[in-house]
C-alpha atoms as a PDB file:
ATOM      1  CA  MET A   1     -15.818 -18.095 -68.580  1.00  0.00           C
ATOM      2  CA  ILE A   2     -18.004 -15.654 -66.657  1.00  0.00           C
ATOM      3  CA  TRP A   3     -18.226 -18.169 -63.797  1.00  0.00           C
ATOM      4  CA  TRP A   4     -14.444 -18.724 -63.901  1.00  0.00           C
ATOM      5  CA  ASN A   5     -13.674 -14.972 -63.835  1.00  0.00           C
ATOM      6  CA  LYS A   6     -15.970 -14.422 -60.873  1.00  0.00           C
ATOM      7  CA  ARG A   7     -14.403 -17.303 -59.003  1.00  0.00           C
ATOM      8  CA  LYS A   8     -10.920 -15.983 -59.758  1.00  0.00           C
ATOM      9  CA  ARG A   9     -11.775 -12.501 -58.477  1.00  0.00           C
ATOM     10  CA  TYR A  10     -13.260 -13.959 -55.273  1.00  0.00           C
ATOM     11  CA  SER A  11     -10.221 -16.170 -54.811  1.00  0.00           C
ATOM     12  CA  PHE A  12      -7.845 -13.209 -55.118  1.00  0.00           C
ATOM     13  CA  THR A  13      -9.753 -11.029 -52.646  1.00  0.00           C
ATOM     14  CA  LEU A  14     -10.411 -13.753 -50.092  1.00  0.00           C
ATOM     15  CA  ASN A  15      -6.969 -15.307 -50.233  1.00  0.00           C
ATOM     16  CA  ASN A  16      -5.438 -11.887 -49.571  1.00  0.00           C
ATOM     17  CA  ALA A  17      -7.707 -11.466 -46.560  1.00  0.00           C
ATOM     18  CA  GLN A  18      -7.026 -14.984 -45.382  1.00  0.00           C
ATOM     19  CA  GLY A  19      -3.289 -14.492 -45.581  1.00  0.00           C
ATOM     20  CA  GLY A  20      -3.458 -11.329 -43.449  1.00  0.00           C
ATOM     21  CA  ASN A  21      -4.955 -12.546 -40.202  1.00  0.00           C
ATOM     22  CA  GLY A  22      -5.665 -16.260 -40.523  1.00  0.00           C
ATOM     23  CA  ILE A  23      -9.283 -15.898 -41.623  1.00  0.00           C
ATOM     24  CA  VAL A  24     -10.916 -19.315 -41.995  1.00  0.00           C
ATOM     25  CA  GLN A  25     -12.789 -20.454 -45.092  1.00  0.00           C
ATOM     26  CA  PHE A  26     -15.814 -22.500 -43.988  1.00  0.00           C
ATOM     27  CA  ARG A  27     -17.934 -24.927 -45.974  1.00  0.00           C
ATOM     28  CA  TYR A  28     -21.670 -24.295 -46.170  1.00  0.00           C
ATOM     29  CA  THR A  29     -22.369 -27.569 -44.344  1.00  0.00           C
ATOM     30  CA  ASP A  30     -20.039 -26.500 -41.508  1.00  0.00           C
ATOM     31  CA  LEU A  31     -21.977 -23.309 -40.867  1.00  0.00           C
ATOM     32  CA  LYS A  32     -25.326 -24.986 -41.340  1.00  0.00           C
ATOM     33  CA  ARG A  33     -24.371 -27.422 -38.595  1.00  0.00           C
ATOM     34  CA  ALA A  34     -22.819 -24.700 -36.389  1.00  0.00           C
ATOM     35  CA  THR A  35     -26.039 -22.649 -36.474  1.00  0.00           C
ATOM     36  CA  LYS A  36     -28.324 -25.689 -36.083  1.00  0.00           C
ATOM     37  CA  ASN A  37     -29.740 -25.091 -39.536  1.00  0.00           C
ATOM     38  CA  PHE A  38     -29.901 -21.318 -38.983  1.00  0.00           C
ATOM     39  CA  SER A  39     -32.415 -21.694 -36.168  1.00  0.00           C
ATOM     40  CA  GLU A  40     -31.444 -18.904 -33.727  1.00  0.00           C
ATOM     41  CA  LYS A  41     -31.733 -15.538 -35.428  1.00  0.00           C
ATOM     42  CA  LEU A  42     -29.968 -12.628 -33.723  1.00  0.00           C
ATOM     43  CA  GLY A  43     -31.082  -9.917 -36.105  1.00  0.00           C
ATOM     44  CA  GLU A  44     -31.993  -8.980 -39.632  1.00  0.00           C
ATOM     45  CA  GLY A  45     -31.013  -6.172 -41.982  1.00  0.00           C
ATOM     46  CA  GLY A  46     -31.423  -5.093 -45.561  1.00  0.00           C
ATOM     47  CA  PHE A  47     -28.707  -7.417 -46.827  1.00  0.00           C
ATOM     48  CA  GLY A  48     -29.473 -10.535 -44.799  1.00  0.00           C
ATOM     49  CA  SER A  49     -29.847 -12.151 -41.398  1.00  0.00           C
ATOM     50  CA  VAL A  50     -27.481 -12.929 -38.524  1.00  0.00           C
ATOM     51  CA  PHE A  51     -27.596 -16.240 -36.657  1.00  0.00           C
ATOM     52  CA  LYS A  52     -25.949 -17.494 -33.494  1.00  0.00           C
ATOM     53  CA  GLY A  53     -23.624 -20.447 -33.947  1.00  0.00           C
ATOM     54  CA  SER A  54     -21.068 -22.607 -32.172  1.00  0.00           C
ATOM     55  CA  LEU A  55     -17.870 -23.921 -33.767  1.00  0.00           C
ATOM     56  CA  HIS A  56     -16.212 -27.267 -33.039  1.00  0.00           C
ATOM     57  CA  ASN A  57     -13.945 -25.661 -30.413  1.00  0.00           C
ATOM     58  CA  SER A  58     -17.034 -24.315 -28.595  1.00  0.00           C
ATOM     59  CA  THR A  59     -16.387 -20.761 -29.787  1.00  0.00           C
ATOM     60  CA  THR A  60     -19.674 -18.867 -30.068  1.00  0.00           C
ATOM     61  CA  VAL A  61     -19.956 -16.904 -33.303  1.00  0.00           C
ATOM     62  CA  ALA A  62     -22.381 -14.722 -35.241  1.00  0.00           C
ATOM     63  CA  VAL A  63     -22.986 -15.924 -38.784  1.00  0.00           C
ATOM     64  CA  LYS A  64     -24.187 -13.299 -41.247  1.00  0.00           C
ATOM     65  CA  ARG A  65     -26.027 -14.897 -44.167  1.00  0.00           C
ATOM     66  CA  LEU A  66     -26.354 -12.547 -47.123  1.00  0.00           C
ATOM     67  CA  ASN A  67     -29.443 -12.319 -49.290  1.00  0.00           C
ATOM     68  CA  GLY A  68     -29.785 -11.350 -52.947  1.00  0.00           C
ATOM     69  CA  ALA A  69     -27.367 -12.178 -55.720  1.00  0.00           C
ATOM     70  CA  TYR A  70     -26.256  -8.650 -56.654  1.00  0.00           C
ATOM     71  CA  GLN A  71     -26.494  -6.729 -53.380  1.00  0.00           C
ATOM     72  CA  GLY A  72     -25.244  -9.711 -51.419  1.00  0.00           C
ATOM     73  CA  GLU A  73     -22.195 -10.001 -53.660  1.00  0.00           C
ATOM     74  CA  LYS A  74     -21.359  -6.307 -53.312  1.00  0.00           C
ATOM     75  CA  GLN A  75     -21.661  -6.384 -49.527  1.00  0.00           C
ATOM     76  CA  PHE A  76     -19.696  -9.613 -49.281  1.00  0.00           C
ATOM     77  CA  ARG A  77     -16.775  -8.169 -51.216  1.00  0.00           C
ATOM     78  CA  SER A  78     -16.877  -4.881 -49.282  1.00  0.00           C
ATOM     79  CA  GLU A  79     -16.917  -6.500 -45.855  1.00  0.00           C
ATOM     80  CA  VAL A  80     -14.101  -8.938 -46.605  1.00  0.00           C
ATOM     81  CA  ARG A  81     -11.929  -6.285 -48.223  1.00  0.00           C
ATOM     82  CA  SER A  82     -12.440  -3.614 -45.573  1.00  0.00           C
ATOM     83  CA  ILE A  83     -12.337  -5.538 -42.313  1.00  0.00           C
ATOM     84  CA  GLY A  84     -10.617  -8.770 -43.310  1.00  0.00           C
ATOM     85  CA  LEU A  85      -7.158  -7.186 -43.179  1.00  0.00           C
ATOM     86  CA  ILE A  86      -7.440  -5.034 -40.048  1.00  0.00           C
ATOM     87  CA  GLN A  87      -7.758  -5.552 -36.320  1.00  0.00           C
ATOM     88  CA  HIS A  88      -8.657  -3.075 -33.587  1.00  0.00           C
ATOM     89  CA  ILE A  89     -10.297  -3.455 -30.188  1.00  0.00           C
ATOM     90  CA  ASN A  90     -13.222  -1.287 -31.348  1.00  0.00           C
ATOM     91  CA  LEU A  91     -13.812  -3.078 -34.676  1.00  0.00           C
ATOM     92  CA  ILE A  92     -15.711  -6.343 -34.985  1.00  0.00           C
ATOM     93  CA  LYS A  93     -13.393  -9.280 -35.688  1.00  0.00           C
ATOM     94  CA  LEU A  94     -13.971 -11.306 -38.850  1.00  0.00           C
ATOM     95  CA  ILE A  95     -13.270 -14.968 -38.093  1.00  0.00           C
ATOM     96  CA  GLY A  96     -14.067 -16.433 -41.491  1.00  0.00           C
ATOM     97  CA  PHE A  97     -16.311 -16.647 -44.516  1.00  0.00           C
ATOM     98  CA  CYS A  98     -18.190 -19.045 -46.743  1.00  0.00           C
ATOM     99  CA  CYS A  99     -18.500 -18.508 -50.468  1.00  0.00           C
ATOM    100  CA  SER A 100     -20.580 -21.287 -51.979  1.00  0.00           C
ATOM    101  CA  HIS A 101     -23.315 -21.563 -54.568  1.00  0.00           C
ATOM    102  CA  GLU A 102     -25.848 -22.023 -51.734  1.00  0.00           C
ATOM    103  CA  SER A 103     -25.020 -18.821 -49.909  1.00  0.00           C
ATOM    104  CA  LYS A 104     -22.399 -16.231 -49.030  1.00  0.00           C
ATOM    105  CA  MET A 105     -21.749 -15.928 -45.308  1.00  0.00           C
ATOM    106  CA  LEU A 106     -19.476 -14.015 -42.953  1.00  0.00           C
ATOM    107  CA  VAL A 107     -18.507 -15.359 -39.539  1.00  0.00           C
ATOM    108  CA  TYR A 108     -17.886 -12.814 -36.786  1.00  0.00           C
ATOM    109  CA  GLU A 109     -17.032 -12.909 -33.104  1.00  0.00           C
ATOM    110  CA  TYR A 110     -20.206 -13.096 -31.017  1.00  0.00           C
ATOM    111  CA  MET A 111     -21.254 -10.013 -29.062  1.00  0.00           C
ATOM    112  CA  PRO A 112     -23.320 -11.092 -26.007  1.00  0.00           C
ATOM    113  CA  ASN A 113     -24.697  -7.602 -25.305  1.00  0.00           C
ATOM    114  CA  HIS A 114     -25.964  -7.209 -28.881  1.00  0.00           C
ATOM    115  CA  SER A 115     -26.300  -3.793 -30.535  1.00  0.00           C
ATOM    116  CA  LEU A 116     -26.288  -0.381 -28.883  1.00  0.00           C
ATOM    117  CA  ASP A 117     -29.828   0.554 -29.949  1.00  0.00           C
ATOM    118  CA  LYS A 118     -31.203  -2.266 -27.772  1.00  0.00           C
ATOM    119  CA  HIS A 119     -29.826  -0.454 -24.693  1.00  0.00           C
ATOM    120  CA  LEU A 120     -30.741   3.127 -25.576  1.00  0.00           C
ATOM    121  CA  PHE A 121     -34.263   3.369 -26.897  1.00  0.00           C
ATOM    122  CA  PRO A 122     -36.673   0.679 -25.600  1.00  0.00           C
ATOM    123  CA  CYS A 123     -38.536   1.632 -22.418  1.00  0.00           C
ATOM    124  CA  ASN A 124     -37.708  -1.715 -20.822  1.00  0.00           C
ATOM    125  CA  ALA A 125     -34.003  -1.676 -21.772  1.00  0.00           C
ATOM    126  CA  ASN A 126     -31.264  -2.197 -19.221  1.00  0.00           C
ATOM    127  CA  ILE A 127     -30.037   1.306 -18.424  1.00  0.00           C
ATOM    128  CA  LEU A 128     -26.448   2.071 -19.371  1.00  0.00           C
ATOM    129  CA  ASN A 129     -24.834   4.183 -16.650  1.00  0.00           C
ATOM    130  CA  TRP A 130     -22.999   7.364 -17.490  1.00  0.00           C
ATOM    131  CA  ASP A 131     -19.461   5.966 -17.376  1.00  0.00           C
ATOM    132  CA  THR A 132     -20.435   3.105 -19.709  1.00  0.00           C
ATOM    133  CA  ARG A 133     -22.052   5.491 -22.194  1.00  0.00           C
ATOM    134  CA  TYR A 134     -19.064   7.792 -22.244  1.00  0.00           C
ATOM    135  CA  GLN A 135     -16.660   4.895 -22.771  1.00  0.00           C
ATOM    136  CA  ILE A 136     -18.858   3.609 -25.608  1.00  0.00           C
ATOM    137  CA  ALA A 137     -18.775   7.050 -27.251  1.00  0.00           C
ATOM    138  CA  LEU A 138     -15.000   7.180 -26.842  1.00  0.00           C
ATOM    139  CA  GLY A 139     -14.510   3.622 -28.106  1.00  0.00           C
ATOM    140  CA  VAL A 140     -16.536   4.250 -31.275  1.00  0.00           C
ATOM    141  CA  ALA A 141     -14.532   7.433 -31.898  1.00  0.00           C
ATOM    142  CA  ARG A 142     -11.270   5.475 -31.531  1.00  0.00           C
ATOM    143  CA  GLY A 143     -12.489   2.805 -33.942  1.00  0.00           C
ATOM    144  CA  LEU A 144     -13.437   5.376 -36.580  1.00  0.00           C
ATOM    145  CA  ALA A 145     -10.170   7.261 -36.074  1.00  0.00           C
ATOM    146  CA  TYR A 146      -8.314   4.014 -36.765  1.00  0.00           C
ATOM    147  CA  LEU A 147     -10.298   3.383 -39.954  1.00  0.00           C
ATOM    148  CA  HIS A 148      -9.789   6.941 -41.183  1.00  0.00           C
ATOM    149  CA  GLU A 149      -6.239   7.717 -40.138  1.00  0.00           C
ATOM    150  CA  SER A 150      -4.263   4.573 -39.266  1.00  0.00           C
ATOM    151  CA  CYS A 151      -5.090   1.962 -41.912  1.00  0.00           C
ATOM    152  CA  ARG A 152      -3.024   1.634 -45.091  1.00  0.00           C
ATOM    153  CA  ASP A 153      -6.069   2.869 -47.016  1.00  0.00           C
ATOM    154  CA  CYS A 154      -8.707   5.169 -45.569  1.00  0.00           C
ATOM    155  CA  ILE A 155     -11.870   3.180 -44.882  1.00  0.00           C
ATOM    156  CA  ILE A 156     -15.112   5.175 -44.787  1.00  0.00           C
ATOM    157  CA  HIS A 157     -17.762   3.127 -42.989  1.00  0.00           C
ATOM    158  CA  CYS A 158     -20.729   5.036 -44.521  1.00  0.00           C
ATOM    159  CA  ASP A 159     -23.351   3.641 -42.105  1.00  0.00           C
ATOM    160  CA  VAL A 160     -22.478   4.637 -38.532  1.00  0.00           C
ATOM    161  CA  LYS A 161     -25.570   4.204 -36.326  1.00  0.00           C
ATOM    162  CA  PRO A 162     -26.512   2.441 -33.040  1.00  0.00           C
ATOM    163  CA  GLU A 163     -27.626  -0.722 -34.842  1.00  0.00           C
ATOM    164  CA  ASN A 164     -24.080  -1.133 -36.192  1.00  0.00           C
ATOM    165  CA  ILE A 165     -22.350  -0.705 -32.832  1.00  0.00           C
ATOM    166  CA  LEU A 166     -22.101  -4.069 -31.059  1.00  0.00           C
ATOM    167  CA  LEU A 167     -21.219  -4.540 -27.379  1.00  0.00           C
ATOM    168  CA  ASP A 168     -19.107  -7.332 -25.909  1.00  0.00           C
ATOM    169  CA  GLU A 169     -19.456  -8.843 -22.424  1.00  0.00           C
ATOM    170  CA  SER A 170     -17.703  -5.790 -20.910  1.00  0.00           C
ATOM    171  CA  PHE A 171     -19.725  -3.319 -23.024  1.00  0.00           C
ATOM    172  CA  ILE A 172     -16.685  -2.478 -25.139  1.00  0.00           C
ATOM    173  CA  PRO A 173     -18.109  -1.162 -28.430  1.00  0.00           C
ATOM    174  CA  LYS A 174     -17.264  -2.812 -31.753  1.00  0.00           C
ATOM    175  CA  ILE A 175     -18.090  -1.110 -35.049  1.00  0.00           C
ATOM    176  CA  ALA A 176     -19.769  -3.674 -37.313  1.00  0.00           C
ATOM    177  CA  ASP A 177     -21.456  -4.079 -40.712  1.00  0.00           C
ATOM    178  CA  PHE A 178     -18.954  -2.903 -43.316  1.00  0.00           C
ATOM    179  CA  GLY A 179     -21.191  -3.798 -46.244  1.00  0.00           C
ATOM    180  CA  MET A 180     -21.483  -0.160 -47.325  1.00  0.00           C
ATOM    181  CA  ALA A 181     -17.860   0.771 -46.601  1.00  0.00           C
ATOM    182  CA  LYS A 182     -15.821   2.709 -49.146  1.00  0.00           C
ATOM    183  CA  ILE A 183     -12.058   2.216 -49.369  1.00  0.00           C
ATOM    184  CA  LEU A 184     -10.195   5.385 -50.306  1.00  0.00           C
ATOM    185  CA  GLN A 185      -6.509   5.257 -51.257  1.00  0.00           C
ATOM    186  CA  ARG A 186      -4.297   7.730 -49.421  1.00  0.00           C
ATOM    187  CA  ASP A 187      -3.527   9.504 -52.699  1.00  0.00           C
ATOM    188  CA  PHE A 188      -7.175  10.562 -52.910  1.00  0.00           C
ATOM    189  CA  SER A 189      -9.179  12.670 -50.479  1.00  0.00           C
ATOM    190  CA  ARG A 190     -12.595  12.281 -52.126  1.00  0.00           C
ATOM    191  CA  ALA A 191     -14.679   9.609 -53.805  1.00  0.00           C
ATOM    192  CA  LEU A 192     -17.729   9.721 -56.035  1.00  0.00           C
ATOM    193  CA  THR A 193     -20.104   6.950 -55.049  1.00  0.00           C
ATOM    194  CA  THR A 194     -23.789   6.144 -54.942  1.00  0.00           C
ATOM    195  CA  LEU A 195     -25.786   7.316 -51.940  1.00  0.00           C
ATOM    196  CA  ARG A 196     -25.521   4.864 -49.070  1.00  0.00           C
ATOM    197  CA  GLY A 197     -26.324   4.942 -45.369  1.00  0.00           C
ATOM    198  CA  THR A 198     -29.396   5.506 -43.189  1.00  0.00           C
ATOM    199  CA  ILE A 199     -31.809   8.429 -43.043  1.00  0.00           C
ATOM    200  CA  GLY A 200     -31.107  10.523 -39.960  1.00  0.00           C
ATOM    201  CA  TYR A 201     -27.349   9.951 -40.148  1.00  0.00           C
ATOM    202  CA  LEU A 202     -26.644  11.170 -43.702  1.00  0.00           C
ATOM    203  CA  ALA A 203     -24.327  14.150 -44.135  1.00  0.00           C
ATOM    204  CA  PRO A 204     -25.557  16.985 -46.432  1.00  0.00           C
ATOM    205  CA  GLU A 205     -23.040  16.094 -49.152  1.00  0.00           C
ATOM    206  CA  TRP A 206     -24.779  12.738 -49.665  1.00  0.00           C
ATOM    207  CA  ILE A 207     -27.957  14.598 -50.577  1.00  0.00           C
ATOM    208  CA  SER A 208     -26.239  17.146 -52.829  1.00  0.00           C
ATOM    209  CA  GLY A 209     -24.471  14.400 -54.787  1.00  0.00           C
ATOM    210  CA  VAL A 210     -20.933  15.778 -54.503  1.00  0.00           C
ATOM    211  CA  ALA A 211     -17.860  13.611 -53.897  1.00  0.00           C
ATOM    212  CA  ILE A 212     -17.643  12.387 -50.311  1.00  0.00           C
ATOM    213  CA  THR A 213     -14.790  12.300 -47.795  1.00  0.00           C
ATOM    214  CA  LEU A 214     -14.317  10.579 -44.457  1.00  0.00           C
ATOM    215  CA  LYS A 215     -16.221  13.510 -42.942  1.00  0.00           C
ATOM    216  CA  VAL A 216     -19.496  11.740 -43.796  1.00  0.00           C
ATOM    217  CA  ASP A 217     -18.632   9.317 -40.970  1.00  0.00           C
ATOM    218  CA  VAL A 218     -17.886  12.265 -38.677  1.00  0.00           C
ATOM    219  CA  TYR A 219     -21.376  13.625 -39.333  1.00  0.00           C
ATOM    220  CA  SER A 220     -22.970  10.252 -38.602  1.00  0.00           C
ATOM    221  CA  TYR A 221     -20.913   9.942 -35.432  1.00  0.00           C
ATOM    222  CA  GLY A 222     -22.232  13.321 -34.273  1.00  0.00           C
ATOM    223  CA  MET A 223     -25.805  12.117 -34.678  1.00  0.00           C
ATOM    224  CA  LEU A 224     -24.913   8.886 -32.872  1.00  0.00           C
ATOM    225  CA  LEU A 225     -23.355  10.864 -30.017  1.00  0.00           C
ATOM    226  CA  PHE A 226     -26.589  12.833 -29.523  1.00  0.00           C
ATOM    227  CA  GLU A 227     -28.349   9.499 -29.068  1.00  0.00           C
ATOM    228  CA  ILE A 228     -25.823   7.944 -26.689  1.00  0.00           C
ATOM    229  CA  ILE A 229     -25.945  10.896 -24.290  1.00  0.00           C
ATOM    230  CA  SER A 230     -29.671  11.629 -24.508  1.00  0.00           C
ATOM    231  CA  GLY A 231     -31.167   8.143 -24.917  1.00  0.00           C
ATOM    232  CA  ARG A 232     -33.338   9.594 -27.692  1.00  0.00           C
ATOM    233  CA  ARG A 233     -33.346   9.145 -31.448  1.00  0.00           C
ATOM    234  CA  ASN A 234     -31.726  12.091 -33.215  1.00  0.00           C
ATOM    235  CA  SER A 235     -35.014  12.484 -35.091  1.00  0.00           C
ATOM    236  CA  HIS A 236     -36.789  13.067 -31.767  1.00  0.00           C
ATOM    237  CA  ARG A 237     -38.863  16.249 -31.696  1.00  0.00           C
ATOM    238  CA  GLU A 238     -39.246  17.851 -28.292  1.00  0.00           C
ATOM    239  CA  HIS A 239     -42.448  19.680 -27.348  1.00  0.00           C
ATOM    240  CA  THR A 240     -41.656  23.152 -26.049  1.00  0.00           C
ATOM    241  CA  ALA A 241     -43.271  24.406 -22.871  1.00  0.00           C
ATOM    242  CA  THR A 242     -43.981  27.884 -24.251  1.00  0.00           C
ATOM    243  CA  SER A 243     -45.771  26.901 -27.451  1.00  0.00           C
ATOM    244  CA  ASP A 244     -47.281  24.071 -29.425  1.00  0.00           C
ATOM    245  CA  ASP A 245     -44.167  23.835 -31.584  1.00  0.00           C
ATOM    246  CA  TYR A 246     -41.824  20.858 -31.623  1.00  0.00           C
ATOM    247  CA  THR A 247     -38.073  21.391 -31.640  1.00  0.00           C
ATOM    248  CA  TYR A 248     -35.754  19.007 -33.484  1.00  0.00           C
ATOM    249  CA  PHE A 249     -33.509  17.536 -30.780  1.00  0.00           C
ATOM    250  CA  PRO A 250     -30.059  18.445 -32.243  1.00  0.00           C
ATOM    251  CA  VAL A 251     -31.323  22.017 -32.613  1.00  0.00           C
ATOM    252  CA  GLN A 252     -32.472  21.990 -29.009  1.00  0.00           C
ATOM    253  CA  VAL A 253     -29.027  20.832 -27.888  1.00  0.00           C
ATOM    254  CA  ALA A 254     -27.270  23.636 -29.772  1.00  0.00           C
ATOM    255  CA  SER A 255     -29.658  26.168 -28.259  1.00  0.00           C
ATOM    256  CA  LYS A 256     -29.398  24.957 -24.670  1.00  0.00           C
ATOM    257  CA  LEU A 257     -25.605  24.712 -24.769  1.00  0.00           C
ATOM    258  CA  LEU A 258     -25.518  28.512 -25.051  1.00  0.00           C
ATOM    259  CA  VAL A 259     -27.358  28.976 -21.766  1.00  0.00           C
ATOM    260  CA  GLY A 260     -25.542  26.176 -19.994  1.00  0.00           C
ATOM    261  CA  ASP A 261     -28.591  23.929 -19.640  1.00  0.00           C
ATOM    262  CA  VAL A 262     -26.921  20.557 -20.147  1.00  0.00           C
ATOM    263  CA  ALA A 263     -28.707  18.518 -17.481  1.00  0.00           C
ATOM    264  CA  SER A 264     -32.109  18.707 -19.199  1.00  0.00           C
ATOM    265  CA  MET A 265     -30.728  17.128 -22.380  1.00  0.00           C
ATOM    266  CA  VAL A 266     -29.100  14.057 -20.796  1.00  0.00           C
ATOM    267  CA  ASP A 267     -31.099  10.813 -20.649  1.00  0.00           C
ATOM    268  CA  HIS A 268     -33.677  11.263 -17.874  1.00  0.00           C
ATOM    269  CA  LYS A 269     -33.416   7.542 -17.090  1.00  0.00           C
ATOM    270  CA  LEU A 270     -30.043   8.274 -15.466  1.00  0.00           C
ATOM    271  CA  HIS A 271     -31.832  10.308 -12.750  1.00  0.00           C
ATOM    272  CA  GLY A 272     -29.072  12.890 -12.582  1.00  0.00           C
ATOM    273  CA  TYR A 273     -26.171  10.479 -12.058  1.00  0.00           C
ATOM    274  CA  VAL A 274     -24.157  12.214 -14.760  1.00  0.00           C
ATOM    275  CA  ASN A 275     -20.794  13.941 -15.124  1.00  0.00           C
ATOM    276  CA  LEU A 276     -22.112  17.238 -16.479  1.00  0.00           C
ATOM    277  CA  LYS A 277     -18.684  18.414 -17.596  1.00  0.00           C
ATOM    278  CA  GLU A 278     -18.310  15.314 -19.774  1.00  0.00           C
ATOM    279  CA  ALA A 279     -21.897  15.677 -20.992  1.00  0.00           C
ATOM    280  CA  GLU A 280     -21.265  19.266 -22.092  1.00  0.00           C
ATOM    281  CA  ARG A 281     -18.057  18.203 -23.818  1.00  0.00           C
ATOM    282  CA  ALA A 282     -19.864  15.394 -25.649  1.00  0.00           C
ATOM    283  CA  PHE A 283     -22.734  17.623 -26.796  1.00  0.00           C
ATOM    284  CA  LYS A 284     -20.247  20.218 -28.072  1.00  0.00           C
ATOM    285  CA  VAL A 285     -18.436  17.508 -30.034  1.00  0.00           C
ATOM    286  CA  ALA A 286     -21.722  16.275 -31.495  1.00  0.00           C
ATOM    287  CA  CYS A 287     -22.693  19.774 -32.622  1.00  0.00           C
ATOM    288  CA  TRP A 288     -19.317  20.329 -34.288  1.00  0.00           C
ATOM    289  CA  CYS A 289     -19.533  16.955 -36.019  1.00  0.00           C
ATOM    290  CA  VAL A 290     -22.858  17.804 -37.696  1.00  0.00           C
ATOM    291  CA  GLN A 291     -21.775  21.115 -39.200  1.00  0.00           C
ATOM    292  CA  ASP A 292     -22.991  21.724 -42.765  1.00  0.00           C
ATOM    293  CA  LYS A 293     -19.519  22.177 -44.252  1.00  0.00           C
ATOM    294  CA  GLU A 294     -17.231  19.179 -43.936  1.00  0.00           C
ATOM    295  CA  VAL A 295     -14.231  21.470 -43.403  1.00  0.00           C
ATOM    296  CA  ASP A 296     -15.848  22.678 -40.158  1.00  0.00           C
ATOM    297  CA  ARG A 297     -16.159  19.158 -38.766  1.00  0.00           C
ATOM    298  CA  PRO A 298     -13.264  17.753 -36.729  1.00  0.00           C
ATOM    299  CA  MET A 299     -11.248  14.696 -37.676  1.00  0.00           C
ATOM    300  CA  MET A 300     -12.068  11.607 -35.622  1.00  0.00           C
ATOM    301  CA  GLY A 301      -8.560  11.679 -34.110  1.00  0.00           C
ATOM    302  CA  GLU A 302      -9.365  15.169 -32.784  1.00  0.00           C
ATOM    303  CA  VAL A 303     -12.696  13.914 -31.456  1.00  0.00           C
ATOM    304  CA  VAL A 304     -10.873  11.259 -29.425  1.00  0.00           C
ATOM    305  CA  LYS A 305      -8.570  13.863 -27.861  1.00  0.00           C
ATOM    306  CA  ILE A 306     -11.485  16.174 -27.091  1.00  0.00           C
ATOM    307  CA  LEU A 307     -13.468  13.424 -25.372  1.00  0.00           C
ATOM    308  CA  GLU A 308     -10.335  12.474 -23.430  1.00  0.00           C
ATOM    309  CA  GLY A 309     -10.179  16.061 -22.180  1.00  0.00           C
ATOM    310  CA  LEU A 310      -6.888  16.837 -23.939  1.00  0.00           C
ATOM    311  CA  ILE A 311      -8.320  19.569 -26.182  1.00  0.00           C
ATOM    312  CA  GLU A 312     -10.762  22.304 -25.239  1.00  0.00           C
ATOM    313  CA  LEU A 313     -13.597  23.023 -27.645  1.00  0.00           C
ATOM    314  CA  ALA A 314     -15.264  26.354 -28.463  1.00  0.00           C
ATOM    315  CA  MET A 315     -19.032  26.785 -28.522  1.00  0.00           C
ATOM    316  CA  PRO A 316     -20.384  25.359 -31.816  1.00  0.00           C
ATOM    317  CA  PRO A 317     -22.509  27.408 -34.221  1.00  0.00           C
ATOM    318  CA  MET A 318     -25.924  26.208 -35.296  1.00  0.00           C
ATOM    319  CA  PRO A 319     -25.787  24.192 -38.557  1.00  0.00           C
ATOM    320  CA  LYS A 320     -28.025  25.989 -41.038  1.00  0.00           C
ATOM    321  CA  LEU A 321     -29.372  22.752 -42.473  1.00  0.00           C
ATOM    322  CA  LEU A 322     -30.560  21.566 -39.066  1.00  0.00           C
ATOM    323  CA  GLN A 323     -32.058  24.980 -38.441  1.00  0.00           C
ATOM    324  CA  ALA A 324     -33.969  24.712 -41.722  1.00  0.00           C
ATOM    325  CA  ILE A 325     -35.159  21.204 -40.760  1.00  0.00           C
ATOM    326  CA  ALA A 326     -36.313  22.503 -37.408  1.00  0.00           C
ATOM    327  CA  GLY A 327     -38.050  25.466 -38.988  1.00  0.00           C
ATOM    328  CA  GLY A 328     -37.243  27.484 -35.917  1.00  0.00           C
ATOM    329  CA  SER A 329     -35.093  30.452 -35.012  1.00  0.00           C
ATOM    330  CA  TYR A 330     -31.666  30.468 -33.417  1.00  0.00           C
ATOM    331  CA  SER A 331     -29.485  33.335 -32.370  1.00  0.00           C
ATOM    332  CA  VAL A 332     -26.016  33.601 -30.871  1.00  0.00           C
END
């Protein structure tokens, strides 16, 4: 009876998803053959591995094979529920799934330019020019705005970071990995849930244990935006020229915005080929997104309009939490 109940619950969830956008249910043997026995690994995460595959119609796909009975089941349900019923140019497209006793798998469209982190941080990475970076930042903001404000239910991604932003052949960003996503009905503005996400992108309310809102994604987006514009991890600590101290990079950004020193914070690999007005706008947005109080952070729809130049933004204050992390001083 336990087995039957589980199968019934899966059938209900997956059939609903399948009926929405024609999602295909694959057999295990189909995906084993498509991936050549899971031989070409594209990446690996906490919940499983991703393999490159080719379907009968020559469509190249990415097959995510989930590990672990309990965690794998939770992620499987979350991903199918959250992304199986929606479509947006800046969200990864779910093509199908496999739910068998051998394994649970999700089949996604293949992204030839892989994840954003591969283009930002390695020394030997292909350099993304300024226009491409800005369009990636804007595309991710549009994708999150859609999840938060345009879906029937509010979907909180809960793990926004460069590793979960995939790039297609034209470097259009696609938000991926919805295994930690939280679905919030429109009648509710908050949700109590277990801590989830990645260190460095976690909003303060995750740590304090209070109910979360979609503003946790806004915070993570702010940290991501620091990284897109600077080419540095948000955890990067910059050595100051006047002392032996190291300044936490988001704190350095907030400080240098006051004196108008934007150029020194942009990725040096761009060699000055930067739209400084857009860079200043992006850094201001990032600083507002990482404010301590969620009420002080903008909605993602507002972020889109700001990055598009439709709304002007005031100078952001220094978040006290970041100041405490930095251990430094900051004055307005």
